[in-house]
Amino acid sequence: MLPTKKETRELTEQQENFLTALFGEAHGSPKKAGEIAGYALNSAKAVKGLVDALDEDGKTPGVNIRMEAAKQILDRVGLVKKDKIDITGQVAHGIFILPAKDGIN
């Protein structure tokens, strides 16, 4: 059995810029390609801030502000949660019961 073809998805402009820089000007350096493509260097720090906020016991002031700032940074670098929309519908199927035909042996 042959493997099935994977679905393709559209790349964002920033992702295309990253790949172009990675195989061109950055000479294979992901860090340099990220800088060229305009990715925020603070995204790793933002992720760490969110993780640290999970461990907070509520005594540190300003956790909500830091969490919101971290979310904003991640949104701007393209790391956003995917919104899923659940579309359901009701379909009414009719069942017809026909009377038996006369004369069938």
C-alpha atoms as a PDB file:
ATOM      1  CA  MET A   1       0.000   0.000   0.000  1.00  0.00           C
ATOM      2  CA  LEU A   2       1.363   3.398  -0.964  1.00  0.00           C
ATOM      3  CA  PRO A   3       1.526   6.147   1.645  1.00  0.00           C
ATOM      4  CA  THR A   4      -1.117   8.819   1.317  1.00  0.00           C
ATOM      5  CA  LYS A   5      -0.183  12.333   0.349  1.00  0.00           C
ATOM      6  CA  LYS A   6      -0.095  14.718   3.307  1.00  0.00           C
ATOM      7  CA  GLU A   7      -2.280  17.772   3.298  1.00  0.00           C
ATOM      8  CA  THR A   8      -0.494  20.934   2.303  1.00  0.00           C
ATOM      9  CA  ARG A   9      -1.068  24.210   4.067  1.00  0.00           C
ATOM     10  CA  GLU A  10      -0.288  27.757   3.190  1.00  0.00           C
ATOM     11  CA  LEU A  11       2.760  29.329   4.828  1.00  0.00           C
ATOM     12  CA  THR A  12       2.557  32.777   6.303  1.00  0.00           C
ATOM     13  CA  GLU A  13       4.711  35.514   4.809  1.00  0.00           C
ATOM     14  CA  GLN A  14       6.961  35.398   7.882  1.00  0.00           C
ATOM     15  CA  GLN A  15       7.404  31.625   7.540  1.00  0.00           C
ATOM     16  CA  GLU A  16       8.332  32.013   3.875  1.00  0.00           C
ATOM     17  CA  ASN A  17      10.818  34.752   4.798  1.00  0.00           C
ATOM     18  CA  PHE A  18      12.327  32.473   7.446  1.00  0.00           C
ATOM     19  CA  LEU A  19      12.829  29.612   4.976  1.00  0.00           C
ATOM     20  CA  THR A  20      14.231  31.927   2.328  1.00  0.00           C
ATOM     21  CA  ALA A  21      16.691  33.377   4.834  1.00  0.00           C
ATOM     22  CA  LEU A  22      17.550  29.950   6.294  1.00  0.00           C
ATOM     23  CA  PHE A  23      18.673  28.568   2.944  1.00  0.00           C
ATOM     24  CA  GLY A  24      20.133  31.847   1.732  1.00  0.00           C
ATOM     25  CA  GLU A  25      21.532  34.706   3.730  1.00  0.00           C
ATOM     26  CA  ALA A  26      21.586  32.849   7.093  1.00  0.00           C
ATOM     27  CA  HIS A  27      23.549  29.904   5.641  1.00  0.00           C
ATOM     28  CA  GLY A  28      21.526  27.304   7.583  1.00  0.00           C
ATOM     29  CA  SER A  29      21.511  29.108  10.951  1.00  0.00           C
ATOM     30  CA  PRO A  30      17.949  29.016  12.363  1.00  0.00           C
ATOM     31  CA  LYS A  31      18.743  31.777  14.871  1.00  0.00           C
ATOM     32  CA  LYS A  32      20.024  34.139  12.203  1.00  0.00           C
ATOM     33  CA  ALA A  33      17.151  33.236   9.859  1.00  0.00           C
ATOM     34  CA  GLY A  34      14.670  34.014  12.634  1.00  0.00           C
ATOM     35  CA  GLU A  35      16.249  37.407  13.181  1.00  0.00           C
ATOM     36  CA  ILE A  36      16.171  38.164   9.450  1.00  0.00           C
ATOM     37  CA  ALA A  37      12.542  37.025   9.148  1.00  0.00           C
ATOM     38  CA  GLY A  38      11.561  39.250  12.063  1.00  0.00           C
ATOM     39  CA  TYR A  39      10.668  36.671  14.679  1.00  0.00           C
ATOM     40  CA  ALA A  40      10.661  38.075  18.209  1.00  0.00           C
ATOM     41  CA  LEU A  41      13.641  36.942  20.192  1.00  0.00           C
ATOM     42  CA  ASN A  42      11.598  37.185  23.379  1.00  0.00           C
ATOM     43  CA  SER A  43       9.182  34.402  22.450  1.00  0.00           C
ATOM     44  CA  ALA A  44      11.122  31.822  24.476  1.00  0.00           C
ATOM     45  CA  LYS A  45      11.139  34.207  27.434  1.00  0.00           C
ATOM     46  CA  ALA A  46       7.378  34.702  27.033  1.00  0.00           C
ATOM     47  CA  VAL A  47       6.776  30.963  27.073  1.00  0.00           C
ATOM     48  CA  LYS A  48       8.897  30.625  30.204  1.00  0.00           C
ATOM     49  CA  GLY A  49       6.911  33.446  31.818  1.00  0.00           C
ATOM     50  CA  LEU A  50       3.648  31.625  31.142  1.00  0.00           C
ATOM     51  CA  VAL A  51       5.022  28.397  32.562  1.00  0.00           C
ATOM     52  CA  ASP A  52       6.361  30.182  35.645  1.00  0.00           C
ATOM     53  CA  ALA A  53       2.971  31.836  36.165  1.00  0.00           C
ATOM     54  CA  LEU A  54       1.395  28.387  36.385  1.00  0.00           C
ATOM     55  CA  ASP A  55       3.595  27.643  39.391  1.00  0.00           C
ATOM     56  CA  GLU A  56       2.795  30.921  41.175  1.00  0.00           C
ATOM     57  CA  ASP A  57       1.144  30.682  44.576  1.00  0.00           C
ATOM     58  CA  GLY A  58      -0.633  34.030  44.212  1.00  0.00           C
ATOM     59  CA  LYS A  59       1.782  36.028  46.367  1.00  0.00           C
ATOM     60  CA  THR A  60       3.687  37.678  43.521  1.00  0.00           C
ATOM     61  CA  PRO A  61       2.052  40.908  42.342  1.00  0.00           C
ATOM     62  CA  GLY A  62       1.469  41.527  38.650  1.00  0.00           C
ATOM     63  CA  VAL A  63       1.239  37.919  37.473  1.00  0.00           C
ATOM     64  CA  ASN A  64      -1.863  38.670  35.402  1.00  0.00           C
ATOM     65  CA  ILE A  65      -0.131  41.558  33.661  1.00  0.00           C
ATOM     66  CA  ARG A  66       2.944  39.441  32.880  1.00  0.00           C
ATOM     67  CA  MET A  67       0.776  36.590  31.585  1.00  0.00           C
ATOM     68  CA  GLU A  68      -1.119  38.947  29.276  1.00  0.00           C
ATOM     69  CA  ALA A  69       2.162  40.434  28.013  1.00  0.00           C
ATOM     70  CA  ALA A  70       3.515  36.938  27.338  1.00  0.00           C
ATOM     71  CA  LYS A  71       0.340  36.028  25.428  1.00  0.00           C
ATOM     72  CA  GLN A  72       0.657  39.177  23.331  1.00  0.00           C
ATOM     73  CA  ILE A  73       4.269  38.375  22.449  1.00  0.00           C
ATOM     74  CA  LEU A  74       3.366  34.836  21.429  1.00  0.00           C
ATOM     75  CA  ASP A  75       0.433  36.093  19.352  1.00  0.00           C
ATOM     76  CA  ARG A  76       2.727  38.456  17.498  1.00  0.00           C
ATOM     77  CA  VAL A  77       5.273  35.755  16.661  1.00  0.00           C
ATOM     78  CA  GLY A  78       2.576  33.462  15.336  1.00  0.00           C
ATOM     79  CA  LEU A  79       2.264  31.035  18.231  1.00  0.00           C
ATOM     80  CA  VAL A  80      -1.450  31.324  18.818  1.00  0.00           C
ATOM     81  CA  LYS A  81      -3.985  28.821  19.943  1.00  0.00           C
ATOM     82  CA  LYS A  82      -6.107  27.395  17.207  1.00  0.00           C
ATOM     83  CA  ASP A  83      -9.757  28.184  17.412  1.00  0.00           C
ATOM     84  CA  LYS A  84     -11.918  25.277  16.461  1.00  0.00           C
ATOM     85  CA  ILE A  85     -15.478  25.755  15.419  1.00  0.00           C
ATOM     86  CA  ASP A  86     -17.850  22.890  15.956  1.00  0.00           C
ATOM     87  CA  ILE A  87     -20.476  22.902  13.260  1.00  0.00           C
ATOM     88  CA  THR A  88     -23.304  20.495  13.804  1.00  0.00           C
ATOM     89  CA  GLY A  89     -26.641  20.226  12.177  1.00  0.00           C
ATOM     90  CA  GLN A  90     -29.719  18.140  12.361  1.00  0.00           C
ATOM     91  CA  VAL A  91     -30.778  16.299   9.302  1.00  0.00           C
ATOM     92  CA  ALA A  92     -34.243  14.821   9.251  1.00  0.00           C
ATOM     93  CA  HIS A  93     -34.455  11.665   7.220  1.00  0.00           C
ATOM     94  CA  GLY A  94     -37.886  10.373   6.427  1.00  0.00           C
ATOM     95  CA  ILE A  95     -38.639   6.678   6.438  1.00  0.00           C
ATOM     96  CA  PHE A  96     -41.392   5.520   4.190  1.00  0.00           C
ATOM     97  CA  ILE A  97     -43.101   2.241   4.935  1.00  0.00           C
ATOM     98  CA  LEU A  98     -44.855   0.970   1.877  1.00  0.00           C
ATOM     99  CA  PRO A  99     -47.648  -1.600   2.034  1.00  0.00           C
ATOM    100  CA  ALA A 100     -46.917  -5.064   0.767  1.00  0.00           C
ATOM    101  CA  LYS A 101     -47.669  -5.694  -2.895  1.00  0.00           C
ATOM    102  CA  ASP A 102     -50.540  -8.011  -3.601  1.00  0.00           C
ATOM    103  CA  GLY A 103     -49.935 -11.088  -5.644  1.00  0.00           C
ATOM    104  CA  ILE A 104     -46.320 -11.775  -4.701  1.00  0.00           C
ATOM    105  CA  ASN A 105     -45.860 -15.480  -4.035  1.00  0.00           C
END
